[in-house]
Structures are given as C-alpha cells and as structure tokens.
C-alpha cells in the first residue's frame, strides 16, 4: 500500500471512531434520561408476555394439527396417484 492510501484508511478509521463514539455518548445520555420502570409496569409487562406465550403455544398446537392433516392428505393423494399409474383405479368423477 502506498503511504497516501494508508493515510486515507487511517483518516476513515478516525472519522468512523468519532461517529461511533458520538453515538455511544448520545445513547448513554438517552438511557440516563429514561424514567425507571416501576413494579406495577413490570407486572403488566410480565402478564403481557405470559399471554403472548400462551397465544404462541396455541398457534403451535394448531399448526401442528394442520401439518398432520396436510401430511395425511399428501399420503392419500400419493396412494391414489400410485394406483392410477399402476392401472388399478381412477380418479373420482365430479358431480
């Protein structure tokens, strides 16, 4: 690397460090100004989180049931397709 390229890289690093340092100072000032969370708010947040967990668990159960039904349907359709290929059956006709 040429000396002028090294100087440019060092200058970029110094500028980046200054920007990141400034952002760090701003973040510390913002955190210090924020009001502290009280016990009542913490209890509400805890209840909300528990409610969300219960909802997610319910959705997991429902999606598991849906995947089981999908798997069953895929197996049935595969069996029907195999029997048609073997010449042993036909697709049901629509009414």
PDB file of N, CA and C in Angstrom:
ATOM      1  N   UNK A   1       0.838  -1.177   0.000  1.00  0.00           N
ATOM      2  CA  UNK A   1       0.000   0.000   0.000  1.00  0.00           C
ATOM      3  C   UNK A   1       0.878   1.234   0.000  1.00  0.00           C
ATOM      4  N   UNK A   2       0.419   2.199  -0.735  1.00  0.00           N
ATOM      5  CA  UNK A   2       1.142   3.464  -0.770  1.00  0.00           C
ATOM      6  C   UNK A   2       0.861   4.243   0.509  1.00  0.00           C
ATOM      7  N   UNK A   3       1.742   5.167   0.821  1.00  0.00           N
ATOM      8  CA  UNK A   3       1.591   5.938   2.059  1.00  0.00           C
ATOM      9  C   UNK A   3       0.336   6.793   2.049  1.00  0.00           C
ATOM     10  N   UNK A   4      -0.058   7.296   0.876  1.00  0.00           N
ATOM     11  CA  UNK A   4      -1.262   8.128   0.832  1.00  0.00           C
ATOM     12  C   UNK A   4      -2.513   7.269   1.059  1.00  0.00           C
ATOM     13  N   UNK A   5      -2.493   5.970   0.651  1.00  0.00           N
ATOM     14  CA  UNK A   5      -3.619   5.070   0.889  1.00  0.00           C
ATOM     15  C   UNK A   5      -3.734   4.735   2.373  1.00  0.00           C
ATOM     16  N   UNK A   6      -2.593   4.542   3.023  1.00  0.00           N
ATOM     17  CA  UNK A   6      -2.590   4.269   4.458  1.00  0.00           C
ATOM     18  C   UNK A   6      -3.145   5.465   5.210  1.00  0.00           C
ATOM     19  N   UNK A   7      -2.770   6.661   4.799  1.00  0.00           N
ATOM     20  CA  UNK A   7      -3.274   7.872   5.444  1.00  0.00           C
ATOM     21  C   UNK A   7      -4.781   7.986   5.268  1.00  0.00           C
ATOM     22  N   UNK A   8      -5.303   7.632   4.079  1.00  0.00           N
ATOM     23  CA  UNK A   8      -6.739   7.696   3.838  1.00  0.00           C
ATOM     24  C   UNK A   8      -7.487   6.676   4.700  1.00  0.00           C
ATOM     25  N   UNK A   9      -6.919   5.491   4.818  1.00  0.00           N
ATOM     26  CA  UNK A   9      -7.547   4.456   5.649  1.00  0.00           C
ATOM     27  C   UNK A   9      -7.556   4.895   7.109  1.00  0.00           C
ATOM     28  N   UNK A  10      -6.443   5.428   7.587  1.00  0.00           N
ATOM     29  CA  UNK A  10      -6.387   5.901   8.969  1.00  0.00           C
ATOM     30  C   UNK A  10      -7.377   7.035   9.208  1.00  0.00           C
ATOM     31  N   UNK A  11      -7.498   7.950   8.249  1.00  0.00           N
ATOM     32  CA  UNK A  11      -8.445   9.057   8.386  1.00  0.00           C
ATOM     33  C   UNK A  11      -9.874   8.521   8.454  1.00  0.00           C
ATOM     34  N   UNK A  12     -10.193   7.537   7.613  1.00  0.00           N
ATOM     35  CA  UNK A  12     -11.533   6.942   7.632  1.00  0.00           C
ATOM     36  C   UNK A  12     -11.806   6.271   8.970  1.00  0.00           C
ATOM     37  N   UNK A  13     -10.799   5.573   9.517  1.00  0.00           N
ATOM     38  CA  UNK A  13     -10.960   4.926  10.822  1.00  0.00           C
ATOM     39  C   UNK A  13     -11.164   5.947  11.930  1.00  0.00           C
ATOM     40  N   UNK A  14     -10.442   7.054  11.869  1.00  0.00           N
ATOM     41  CA  UNK A  14     -10.581   8.106  12.885  1.00  0.00           C
ATOM     42  C   UNK A  14     -11.977   8.714  12.815  1.00  0.00           C
ATOM     43  N   UNK A  15     -12.456   8.974  11.596  1.00  0.00           N
ATOM     44  CA  UNK A  15     -13.799   9.543  11.438  1.00  0.00           C
ATOM     45  C   UNK A  15     -14.856   8.555  11.929  1.00  0.00           C
ATOM     46  N   UNK A  16     -14.716   7.287  11.554  1.00  0.00           N
ATOM     47  CA  UNK A  16     -15.677   6.273  11.989  1.00  0.00           C
ATOM     48  C   UNK A  16     -15.675   6.144  13.505  1.00  0.00           C
ATOM     49  N   UNK A  17     -14.503   6.166  14.104  1.00  0.00           N
ATOM     50  CA  UNK A  17     -14.408   6.096  15.564  1.00  0.00           C
ATOM     51  C   UNK A  17     -15.076   7.284  16.224  1.00  0.00           C
ATOM     52  N   UNK A  18     -14.897   8.457  15.645  1.00  0.00           N
ATOM     53  CA  UNK A  18     -15.543   9.652  16.194  1.00  0.00           C
ATOM     54  C   UNK A  18     -17.056   9.575  16.107  1.00  0.00           C
ATOM     55  N   UNK A  19     -17.549   9.084  14.975  1.00  0.00           N
ATOM     56  CA  UNK A  19     -19.003   8.955  14.806  1.00  0.00           C
ATOM     57  C   UNK A  19     -19.555   7.943  15.793  1.00  0.00           C
ATOM     58  N   UNK A  20     -18.907   6.782  15.889  1.00  0.00           N
ATOM     59  CA  UNK A  20     -19.384   5.750  16.822  1.00  0.00           C
ATOM     60  C   UNK A  20     -19.293   6.219  18.271  1.00  0.00           C
ATOM     61  N   UNK A  21     -18.246   6.934  18.595  1.00  0.00           N
ATOM     62  CA  UNK A  21     -18.122   7.474  19.950  1.00  0.00           C
ATOM     63  C   UNK A  21     -19.238   8.451  20.259  1.00  0.00           C
ATOM     64  N   UNK A  22     -19.550   9.307  19.301  1.00  0.00           N
ATOM     65  CA  UNK A  22     -20.649  10.250  19.483  1.00  0.00           C
ATOM     66  C   UNK A  22     -21.978   9.555  19.661  1.00  0.00           C
ATOM     67  N   UNK A  23     -22.195   8.504  18.882  1.00  0.00           N
ATOM     68  CA  UNK A  23     -23.436   7.736  19.039  1.00  0.00           C
ATOM     69  C   UNK A  23     -23.497   7.063  20.405  1.00  0.00           C
ATOM     70  N   UNK A  24     -22.366   6.567  20.876  1.00  0.00           N
ATOM     71  CA  UNK A  24     -22.316   5.947  22.204  1.00  0.00           C
ATOM     72  C   UNK A  24     -22.652   6.941  23.294  1.00  0.00           C
ATOM     73  N   UNK A  25     -22.100   8.150  23.198  1.00  0.00           N
ATOM     74  CA  UNK A  25     -22.384   9.194  24.194  1.00  0.00           C
ATOM     75  C   UNK A  25     -23.865   9.561  24.159  1.00  0.00           C
ATOM     76  N   UNK A  26     -24.435   9.679  22.957  1.00  0.00           N
ATOM     77  CA  UNK A  26     -25.861  10.007  22.831  1.00  0.00           C
ATOM     78  C   UNK A  26     -26.724   8.892  23.418  1.00  0.00           C
ATOM     79  N   UNK A  27     -26.340   7.639  23.203  1.00  0.00           N
ATOM     80  CA  UNK A  27     -27.111   6.517  23.747  1.00  0.00           C
ATOM     81  C   UNK A  27     -27.066   6.507  25.267  1.00  0.00           C
ATOM     82  N   UNK A  28     -25.911   6.784  25.848  1.00  0.00           N
ATOM     83  CA  UNK A  28     -25.794   6.824  27.310  1.00  0.00           C
ATOM     84  C   UNK A  28     -26.660   7.939  27.879  1.00  0.00           C
ATOM     85  N   UNK A  29     -26.651   9.100  27.243  1.00  0.00           N
ATOM     86  CA  UNK A  29     -27.471  10.222  27.712  1.00  0.00           C
ATOM     87  C   UNK A  29     -28.944   9.885  27.618  1.00  0.00           C
ATOM     88  N   UNK A  30     -29.363   9.202  26.549  1.00  0.00           N
ATOM     89  CA  UNK A  30     -30.765   8.836  26.373  1.00  0.00           C
ATOM     90  C   UNK A  30     -31.215   7.847  27.448  1.00  0.00           C
ATOM     91  N   UNK A  31     -30.376   6.858  27.740  1.00  0.00           N
ATOM     92  CA  UNK A  31     -30.709   5.856  28.755  1.00  0.00           C
ATOM     93  C   UNK A  31     -30.819   6.503  30.135  1.00  0.00           C
ATOM     94  N   UNK A  32     -29.951   7.438  30.436  1.00  0.00           N
ATOM     95  CA  UNK A  32     -29.988   8.098  31.745  1.00  0.00           C
ATOM     96  C   UNK A  32     -31.241   8.943  31.914  1.00  0.00           C
ATOM     97  N   UNK A  33     -31.754   9.513  30.840  1.00  0.00           N
ATOM     98  CA  UNK A  33     -32.947  10.364  30.933  1.00  0.00           C
ATOM     99  C   UNK A  33     -34.231   9.562  31.027  1.00  0.00           C
ATOM    100  N   UNK A  34     -34.231   8.306  30.588  1.00  0.00           N
ATOM    101  CA  UNK A  34     -35.443   7.500  30.603  1.00  0.00           C
ATOM    102  C   UNK A  34     -35.890   7.256  32.039  1.00  0.00           C
ATOM    103  N   UNK A  35     -37.198   7.357  32.301  1.00  0.00           N
ATOM    104  CA  UNK A  35     -37.690   7.050  33.641  1.00  0.00           C
ATOM    105  C   UNK A  35     -37.565   5.552  33.929  1.00  0.00           C
ATOM    106  N   UNK A  36     -37.401   5.233  35.170  1.00  0.00           N
ATOM    107  CA  UNK A  36     -37.282   3.840  35.575  1.00  0.00           C
ATOM    108  C   UNK A  36     -38.658   3.158  35.556  1.00  0.00           C
ATOM    109  N   UNK A  37     -38.675   1.899  35.249  1.00  0.00           N
ATOM    110  CA  UNK A  37     -39.928   1.131  35.223  1.00  0.00           C
ATOM    111  C   UNK A  37     -40.240   0.681  36.648  1.00  0.00           C
ATOM    112  N   UNK A  38     -41.478   0.939  37.072  1.00  0.00           N
ATOM    113  CA  UNK A  38     -41.909   0.552  38.407  1.00  0.00           C
ATOM    114  C   UNK A  38     -42.404  -0.884  38.447  1.00  0.00           C
ATOM    115  N   UNK A  39     -42.709  -1.355  39.654  1.00  0.00           N
ATOM    116  CA  UNK A  39     -43.176  -2.732  39.826  1.00  0.00           C
ATOM    117  C   UNK A  39     -44.505  -2.982  39.125  1.00  0.00           C
ATOM    118  N   UNK A  40     -45.410  -1.989  39.155  1.00  0.00           N
ATOM    119  CA  UNK A  40     -46.713  -2.164  38.508  1.00  0.00           C
ATOM    120  C   UNK A  40     -46.543  -2.356  37.002  1.00  0.00           C
ATOM    121  N   UNK A  41     -45.691  -1.529  36.394  1.00  0.00           N
ATOM    122  CA  UNK A  41     -45.455  -1.658  34.964  1.00  0.00           C
ATOM    123  C   UNK A  41     -44.768  -2.978  34.638  1.00  0.00           C
ATOM    124  N   UNK A  42     -43.864  -3.380  35.506  1.00  0.00           N
ATOM    125  CA  UNK A  42     -43.167  -4.649  35.304  1.00  0.00           C
ATOM    126  C   UNK A  42     -44.145  -5.815  35.382  1.00  0.00           C
ATOM    127  N   UNK A  43     -45.090  -5.753  36.327  1.00  0.00           N
ATOM    128  CA  UNK A  43     -46.096  -6.812  36.446  1.00  0.00           C
ATOM    129  C   UNK A  43     -46.971  -6.870  35.197  1.00  0.00           C
ATOM    130  N   UNK A  44     -47.354  -5.700  34.676  1.00  0.00           N
ATOM    131  CA  UNK A  44     -48.169  -5.665  33.457  1.00  0.00           C
ATOM    132  C   UNK A  44     -47.407  -6.258  32.279  1.00  0.00           C
ATOM    133  N   UNK A  45     -46.127  -5.910  32.175  1.00  0.00           N
ATOM    134  CA  UNK A  45     -45.315  -6.465  31.093  1.00  0.00           C
ATOM    135  C   UNK A  45     -45.188  -7.980  31.223  1.00  0.00           C
ATOM    136  N   UNK A  46     -45.009  -8.442  32.451  1.00  0.00           N
ATOM    137  CA  UNK A  46     -44.887  -9.882  32.688  1.00  0.00           C
ATOM    138  C   UNK A  46     -46.171 -10.599  32.291  1.00  0.00           C
ATOM    139  N   UNK A  47     -47.322 -10.024  32.653  1.00  0.00           N
ATOM    140  CA  UNK A  47     -48.603 -10.622  32.285  1.00  0.00           C
ATOM    141  C   UNK A  47     -48.775 -10.637  30.768  1.00  0.00           C
ATOM    142  N   UNK A  48     -48.388  -9.546  30.126  1.00  0.00           N
ATOM    143  CA  UNK A  48     -48.493  -9.477  28.669  1.00  0.00           C
ATOM    144  C   UNK A  48     -47.626 -10.541  28.011  1.00  0.00           C
ATOM    145  N   UNK A  49     -46.427 -10.714  28.521  1.00  0.00           N
ATOM    146  CA  UNK A  49     -45.520 -11.721  27.962  1.00  0.00           C
ATOM    147  C   UNK A  49     -46.091 -13.115  28.145  1.00  0.00           C
ATOM    148  N   UNK A  50     -46.663 -13.385  29.319  1.00  0.00           N
ATOM    149  CA  UNK A  50     -47.268 -14.697  29.557  1.00  0.00           C
ATOM    150  C   UNK A  50     -48.437 -14.933  28.608  1.00  0.00           C
ATOM    151  N   UNK A  51     -49.245 -13.887  28.377  1.00  0.00           N
ATOM    152  CA  UNK A  51     -50.353 -14.010  27.436  1.00  0.00           C
ATOM    153  C   UNK A  51     -49.863 -14.304  26.028  1.00  0.00           C
ATOM    154  N   UNK A  52     -48.796 -13.628  25.637  1.00  0.00           N
ATOM    155  CA  UNK A  52     -48.220 -13.874  24.315  1.00  0.00           C
ATOM    156  C   UNK A  52     -47.675 -15.292  24.207  1.00  0.00           C
ATOM    157  N   UNK A  53     -47.055 -15.771  25.270  1.00  0.00           N
ATOM    158  CA  UNK A  53     -46.538 -17.148  25.248  1.00  0.00           C
ATOM    159  C   UNK A  53     -47.667 -18.152  25.088  1.00  0.00           C
ATOM    160  N   UNK A  54     -48.786 -17.916  25.797  1.00  0.00           N
ATOM    161  CA  UNK A  54     -49.931 -18.817  25.685  1.00  0.00           C
ATOM    162  C   UNK A  54     -50.492 -18.790  24.264  1.00  0.00           C
ATOM    163  N   UNK A  55     -50.549 -17.599  23.663  1.00  0.00           N
ATOM    164  CA  UNK A  55     -51.038 -17.482  22.291  1.00  0.00           C
ATOM    165  C   UNK A  55     -50.135 -18.231  21.323  1.00  0.00           C
ATOM    166  N   UNK A  56     -48.831 -18.074  21.495  1.00  0.00           N
ATOM    167  CA  UNK A  56     -47.877 -18.752  20.615  1.00  0.00           C
ATOM    168  C   UNK A  56     -47.992 -20.267  20.788  1.00  0.00           C
ATOM    169  N   UNK A  57     -48.140 -20.727  22.028  1.00  0.00           N
ATOM    170  CA  UNK A  57     -48.306 -22.168  22.258  1.00  0.00           C
ATOM    171  C   UNK A  57     -49.555 -22.684  21.556  1.00  0.00           C
ATOM    172  N   UNK A  58     -50.651 -21.906  21.627  1.00  0.00           N
ATOM    173  CA  UNK A  58     -51.887 -22.302  20.948  1.00  0.00           C
ATOM    174  C   UNK A  58     -51.695 -22.367  19.445  1.00  0.00           C
ATOM    175  N   UNK A  59     -50.981 -21.379  18.895  1.00  0.00           N
ATOM    176  CA  UNK A  59     -50.724 -21.386  17.451  1.00  0.00           C
ATOM    177  C   UNK A  59     -49.843 -22.559  17.058  1.00  0.00           C
ATOM    178  N   UNK A  60     -48.910 -22.920  17.920  1.00  0.00           N
ATOM    179  CA  UNK A  60     -48.059 -24.082  17.626  1.00  0.00           C
ATOM    180  C   UNK A  60     -48.896 -25.345  17.568  1.00  0.00           C
ATOM    181  N   UNK A  61     -49.822 -25.490  18.519  1.00  0.00           N
ATOM    182  CA  UNK A  61     -50.689 -26.667  18.524  1.00  0.00           C
ATOM    183  C   UNK A  61     -51.543 -26.726  17.264  1.00  0.00           C
ATOM    184  N   UNK A  62     -52.117 -25.581  16.890  1.00  0.00           N
ATOM    185  CA  UNK A  62     -52.946 -25.527  15.690  1.00  0.00           C
ATOM    186  C   UNK A  62     -52.138 -25.829  14.440  1.00  0.00           C
ATOM    187  N   UNK A  63     -50.947 -25.256  14.341  1.00  0.00           N
ATOM    188  CA  UNK A  63     -50.131 -25.503  13.144  1.00  0.00           C
ATOM    189  C   UNK A  63     -49.672 -26.958  13.095  1.00  0.00           C
ATOM    190  N   UNK A  64     -49.435 -27.557  14.239  1.00  0.00           N
ATOM    191  CA  UNK A  64     -49.052 -28.968  14.272  1.00  0.00           C
ATOM    192  C   UNK A  64     -50.190 -29.825  13.743  1.00  0.00           C
ATOM    193  N   UNK A  65     -51.412 -29.487  14.153  1.00  0.00           N
ATOM    194  CA  UNK A  65     -52.575 -30.226  13.672  1.00  0.00           C
ATOM    195  C   UNK A  65     -52.746 -30.042  12.166  1.00  0.00           C
ATOM    196  N   UNK A  66     -52.539 -28.825  11.684  1.00  0.00           N
ATOM    197  CA  UNK A  66     -52.653 -28.551  10.247  1.00  0.00           C
ATOM    198  C   UNK A  66     -51.605 -29.347   9.475  1.00  0.00           C
ATOM    199  N   UNK A  67     -50.376 -29.388   9.981  1.00  0.00           N
ATOM    200  CA  UNK A  67     -49.317 -30.142   9.295  1.00  0.00           C
ATOM    201  C   UNK A  67     -49.633 -31.639   9.286  1.00  0.00           C
ATOM    202  N   UNK A  68     -50.222 -32.152  10.384  1.00  0.00           N
ATOM    203  CA  UNK A  68     -50.606 -33.564  10.410  1.00  0.00           C
ATOM    204  C   UNK A  68     -51.666 -33.858   9.351  1.00  0.00           C
ATOM    205  N   UNK A  69     -52.650 -32.953   9.239  1.00  0.00           N
ATOM    206  CA  UNK A  69     -53.702 -33.151   8.238  1.00  0.00           C
ATOM    207  C   UNK A  69     -53.123 -33.061   6.828  1.00  0.00           C
ATOM    208  N   UNK A  70     -52.230 -32.123   6.611  1.00  0.00           N
ATOM    209  CA  UNK A  70     -51.597 -31.978   5.302  1.00  0.00           C
ATOM    210  C   UNK A  70     -50.805 -33.233   4.947  1.00  0.00           C
ATOM    211  N   UNK A  71     -50.067 -33.755   5.905  1.00  0.00           N
ATOM    212  CA  UNK A  71     -49.283 -34.967   5.677  1.00  0.00           C
ATOM    213  C   UNK A  71     -50.206 -36.131   5.313  1.00  0.00           C
ATOM    214  N   UNK A  72     -51.320 -36.254   6.041  1.00  0.00           N
ATOM    215  CA  UNK A  72     -52.281 -37.321   5.750  1.00  0.00           C
ATOM    216  C   UNK A  72     -52.819 -37.174   4.328  1.00  0.00           C
ATOM    217  N   UNK A  73     -53.221 -35.955   3.960  1.00  0.00           N
ATOM    218  CA  UNK A  73     -53.763 -35.730   2.615  1.00  0.00           C
ATOM    219  C   UNK A  73     -52.728 -36.029   1.537  1.00  0.00           C
ATOM    220  N   UNK A  74     -51.475 -35.650   1.782  1.00  0.00           N
ATOM    221  CA  UNK A  74     -50.421 -35.944   0.804  1.00  0.00           C
ATOM    222  C   UNK A  74     -50.242 -37.448   0.630  1.00  0.00           C
ATOM    223  N   UNK A  75     -50.307 -38.201   1.745  1.00  0.00           N
ATOM    224  CA  UNK A  75     -50.158 -39.654   1.651  1.00  0.00           C
ATOM    225  C   UNK A  75     -51.316 -40.273   0.885  1.00  0.00           C
ATOM    226  N   UNK A  76     -52.543 -39.814   1.159  1.00  0.00           N
ATOM    227  CA  UNK A  76     -53.712 -40.346   0.459  1.00  0.00           C
ATOM    228  C   UNK A  76     -53.627 -40.034  -1.029  1.00  0.00           C
ATOM    229  N   UNK A  77     -53.291 -38.795  -1.376  1.00  0.00           N
ATOM    230  CA  UNK A  77     -53.170 -38.435  -2.788  1.00  0.00           C
ATOM    231  C   UNK A  77     -52.061 -39.209  -3.481  1.00  0.00           C
ATOM    232  N   UNK A  78     -50.977 -39.457  -2.768  1.00  0.00           N
ATOM    233  CA  UNK A  78     -49.883 -40.237  -3.335  1.00  0.00           C
ATOM    234  C   UNK A  78     -50.330 -41.673  -3.605  1.00  0.00           C
ATOM    235  N   UNK A  79     -51.097 -42.249  -2.692  1.00  0.00           N
ATOM    236  CA  UNK A  79     -51.606 -43.612  -2.893  1.00  0.00           C
ATOM    237  C   UNK A  79     -52.552 -43.667  -4.087  1.00  0.00           C
ATOM    238  N   UNK A  80     -53.408 -42.646  -4.212  1.00  0.00           N
ATOM    239  CA  UNK A  80     -54.327 -42.603  -5.351  1.00  0.00           C
ATOM    240  C   UNK A  80     -53.550 -42.488  -6.650  1.00  0.00           C
ATOM    241  N   UNK A  81     -52.543 -41.607  -6.675  1.00  0.00           N
ATOM    242  CA  UNK A  81     -51.736 -41.424  -7.888  1.00  0.00           C
ATOM    243  C   UNK A  81     -51.003 -42.711  -8.241  1.00  0.00           C
ATOM    244  N   UNK A  82     -50.469 -43.410  -7.221  1.00  0.00           N
ATOM    245  CA  UNK A  82     -49.765 -44.668  -7.475  1.00  0.00           C
ATOM    246  C   UNK A  82     -50.706 -45.728  -8.050  1.00  0.00           C
ATOM    247  N   UNK A  83     -51.913 -45.790  -7.520  1.00  0.00           N
ATOM    248  CA  UNK A  83     -52.855 -46.796  -8.018  1.00  0.00           C
ATOM    249  C   UNK A  83     -53.310 -46.470  -9.434  1.00  0.00           C
ATOM    250  N   UNK A  84     -53.421 -45.179  -9.768  1.00  0.00           N
ATOM    251  CA  UNK A  84     -53.796 -44.804 -11.137  1.00  0.00           C
ATOM    252  C   UNK A  84     -52.671 -45.144 -12.098  1.00  0.00           C
ATOM    253  N   UNK A  85     -51.424 -44.879 -11.692  1.00  0.00           N
ATOM    254  CA  UNK A  85     -50.278 -45.208 -12.549  1.00  0.00           C
ATOM    255  C   UNK A  85     -50.185 -46.710 -12.780  1.00  0.00           C
ATOM    256  N   UNK A  86     -50.561 -47.476 -11.774  1.00  0.00           N
ATOM    257  CA  UNK A  86     -50.497 -48.935 -11.895  1.00  0.00           C
ATOM    258  C   UNK A  86     -51.702 -49.471 -12.670  1.00  0.00           C
ATOM    259  N   UNK A  87     -52.642 -48.600 -13.005  1.00  0.00           N
ATOM    260  CA  UNK A  87     -53.814 -49.029 -13.766  1.00  0.00           C
ATOM    261  C   UNK A  87     -54.857 -49.690 -12.904  1.00  0.00           C
ATOM    262  N   UNK A  88     -54.827 -49.458 -11.629  1.00  0.00           N
ATOM    263  CA  UNK A  88     -55.749 -50.142 -10.730  1.00  0.00           C
ATOM    264  C   UNK A  88     -56.918 -49.272 -10.281  1.00  0.00           C
ATOM    265  N   UNK A  89     -56.963 -48.064 -10.726  1.00  0.00           N
ATOM    266  CA  UNK A  89     -58.062 -47.229 -10.259  1.00  0.00           C
ATOM    267  C   UNK A  89     -58.186 -45.977 -11.105  1.00  0.00           C
ATOM    268  N   UNK A  90     -59.196 -45.223 -10.783  1.00  0.00           N
ATOM    269  CA  UNK A  90     -59.444 -43.971 -11.486  1.00  0.00           C
ATOM    270  C   UNK A  90     -59.730 -42.893 -10.456  1.00  0.00           C
ATOM    271  N   UNK A  91     -59.544 -41.671 -10.893  1.00  0.00           N
ATOM    272  CA  UNK A  91     -59.922 -40.550 -10.033  1.00  0.00           C
ATOM    273  C   UNK A  91     -61.429 -40.474  -9.942  1.00  0.00           C
ATOM    274  N   UNK A  92     -61.958 -40.101  -8.802  1.00  0.00           N
ATOM    275  CA  UNK A  92     -63.419 -39.949  -8.707  1.00  0.00           C
ATOM    276  C   UNK A  92     -63.876 -38.815  -9.616  1.00  0.00           C
ATOM    277  N   UNK A  93     -65.040 -39.025 -10.236  1.00  0.00           N
ATOM    278  CA  UNK A  93     -65.570 -38.009 -11.142  1.00  0.00           C
ATOM    279  C   UNK A  93     -66.396 -37.015 -10.342  1.00  0.00           C
ATOM    280  N   UNK A  94     -66.286 -35.746 -10.745  1.00  0.00           N
ATOM    281  CA  UNK A  94     -67.060 -34.699 -10.083  1.00  0.00           C
ATOM    282  C   UNK A  94     -68.520 -34.785 -10.444  1.00  0.00           C
ATOM    283  N   UNK A  95     -69.341 -34.234  -9.588  1.00  0.00           N
ATOM    284  CA  UNK A  95     -70.789 -34.325  -9.840  1.00  0.00           C
ATOM    285  C   UNK A  95     -71.281 -33.169 -10.608  1.00  0.00           C
TER     286      UNK A  95
END
